[in-house]
Amino acid sequence: MNTEIRIVGEFTIAEGKTDAFKELIGTAIERVRSNEPDTLTYEFYFSDDETKCYALELYRDSQALLTHVEDVGEILPKILAVAQITSLEIFGNATKELKEGLASFGAKFFTHWSGFKR
């Protein structure tokens, strides 16, 4: 059974706060790179006008994502002060604990059905 968890998250950045958002995300990236070996992908993409940012994340399993939420816990309120999470989609066979842990973020969950990865 595939245990990987993928995330597509959308942030809407407050007007005039793009530089602050980028700085905070940069801090988060370095923290995750150093502390979270089970975070396999952690990438951010901006719209041309830099009002939207999309996070593409891949975790080894549900526990890795729960660890991530705990690890960035002190940075997240600062990020949410300059940007709103406008969409959070979770793909994979998420555990009950993960679903409960992300409920306050309005996460939508999608269970893996079939397919393959090379």
Protein backbone atom coordinates (compact mmCIF):
# COMPACT_ATOMS: atom_id res chain seq x y z
CA MET A 1 0.00 0.00 0.00
CA ASN A 2 1.23 3.44 -0.93
CA THR A 3 1.62 5.57 2.22
CA GLU A 4 2.83 8.80 0.59
CA ILE A 5 0.82 11.97 1.18
CA ARG A 6 0.80 14.79 -1.36
CA ILE A 7 -0.36 18.34 -0.76
CA VAL A 8 -1.39 21.11 -3.09
CA GLY A 9 -1.90 24.27 -1.08
CA GLU A 10 -2.87 27.72 -2.31
CA PHE A 11 -2.00 30.92 -0.45
CA THR A 12 -3.48 34.30 -1.28
CA ILE A 13 -0.95 36.93 -0.26
CA ALA A 14 -2.08 40.21 1.32
CA GLU A 15 -1.39 43.30 -0.75
CA GLY A 16 2.13 44.58 -0.21
CA LYS A 17 3.17 41.49 1.78
CA THR A 18 4.86 39.40 -0.92
CA ASP A 19 8.40 40.11 0.28
CA ALA A 20 7.49 39.26 3.87
CA PHE A 21 5.77 36.06 2.70
CA LYS A 22 8.81 35.02 0.64
CA GLU A 23 11.13 35.63 3.59
CA LEU A 24 8.96 33.53 5.91
CA ILE A 25 8.63 30.73 3.36
CA GLY A 26 12.41 30.81 2.90
CA THR A 27 12.82 30.33 6.66
CA ALA A 28 10.34 27.44 6.57
CA ILE A 29 12.16 25.81 3.64
CA GLU A 30 15.48 25.84 5.47
CA ARG A 31 13.90 24.50 8.65
CA VAL A 32 12.18 21.68 6.77
CA ARG A 33 15.33 20.84 4.80
CA SER A 34 17.33 20.54 8.03
CA ASN A 35 14.80 18.85 10.32
CA GLU A 36 12.43 16.71 8.26
CA PRO A 37 14.01 13.81 6.35
CA ASP A 38 10.55 12.35 5.61
CA THR A 39 9.47 15.51 3.77
CA LEU A 40 10.36 14.40 0.25
CA THR A 41 9.25 17.46 -1.75
CA TYR A 42 8.66 21.00 -0.51
CA GLU A 43 8.27 23.45 -3.41
CA PHE A 44 6.58 26.83 -3.90
CA TYR A 45 5.34 28.48 -7.10
CA PHE A 46 4.08 32.04 -7.61
CA SER A 47 1.52 33.42 -10.02
CA ASP A 48 2.86 36.05 -12.42
CA ASP A 49 1.40 38.89 -10.32
CA GLU A 50 2.70 37.24 -7.09
CA THR A 51 -0.69 37.42 -5.37
CA LYS A 52 -0.96 33.61 -5.23
CA CYS A 53 1.54 31.02 -4.12
CA TYR A 54 1.11 27.30 -4.58
CA ALA A 55 2.84 24.79 -2.33
CA LEU A 56 3.54 21.31 -3.70
CA GLU A 57 4.58 18.94 -0.94
CA LEU A 58 5.23 15.21 -0.68
CA TYR A 59 5.57 13.30 2.59
CA ARG A 60 6.64 9.71 3.21
CA ASP A 61 3.43 9.11 5.20
CA SER A 62 0.77 10.73 7.39
CA GLN A 63 3.11 10.86 10.39
CA ALA A 64 5.69 12.81 8.37
CA LEU A 65 3.08 15.46 7.59
CA LEU A 66 2.00 15.64 11.23
CA THR A 67 5.67 16.08 12.17
CA HIS A 68 5.92 18.88 9.59
CA VAL A 69 2.91 20.72 11.03
CA GLU A 70 4.50 20.54 14.46
CA ASP A 71 7.94 21.57 13.16
CA VAL A 72 6.70 24.72 11.40
CA GLY A 73 4.27 25.55 14.20
CA GLU A 74 6.07 28.70 15.28
CA ILE A 75 6.47 30.02 11.71
CA LEU A 76 2.95 29.27 10.49
CA PRO A 77 1.15 32.04 12.45
CA LYS A 78 3.59 34.56 10.97
CA ILE A 79 2.88 33.23 7.46
CA LEU A 80 -0.86 33.38 8.09
CA ALA A 81 -0.49 37.01 9.19
CA VAL A 82 0.55 37.94 5.62
CA ALA A 83 -1.28 35.29 3.56
CA GLN A 84 -4.43 33.22 3.76
CA ILE A 85 -4.67 29.52 2.94
CA THR A 86 -7.36 29.59 0.26
CA SER A 87 -7.17 25.92 -0.68
CA LEU A 88 -5.58 22.85 0.87
CA GLU A 89 -5.93 19.52 -0.90
CA ILE A 90 -4.44 16.34 0.54
CA PHE A 91 -3.92 13.32 -1.71
CA GLY A 92 -3.23 9.84 -0.34
CA ASN A 93 -4.38 7.38 2.27
CA ALA A 94 -4.44 9.80 5.20
CA THR A 95 -4.81 8.51 8.73
CA LYS A 96 -7.62 9.60 11.01
CA GLU A 97 -5.06 11.56 13.07
CA LEU A 98 -3.93 13.49 10.01
CA LYS A 99 -7.50 14.31 8.99
CA GLU A 100 -8.23 15.56 12.50
CA GLY A 101 -4.94 17.49 12.64
CA LEU A 102 -5.64 19.40 9.43
CA ALA A 103 -9.38 19.95 9.88
CA SER A 104 -8.89 23.50 11.17
CA PHE A 105 -7.15 24.43 7.90
CA GLY A 106 -10.18 23.43 5.81
CA ALA A 107 -8.28 20.59 4.16
CA LYS A 108 -10.02 18.47 1.54
CA PHE A 109 -8.89 14.85 1.40
CA PHE A 110 -8.69 12.58 -1.64
CA THR A 111 -8.00 8.84 -1.21
CA HIS A 112 -5.68 7.07 -3.61
CA TRP A 113 -7.54 4.76 -5.93
CA SER A 114 -5.13 3.46 -8.55
CA GLY A 115 -2.22 4.30 -10.81
CA PHE A 116 1.54 4.10 -10.71
CA LYS A 117 4.66 6.19 -10.23
CA ARG A 118 8.00 5.49 -11.88
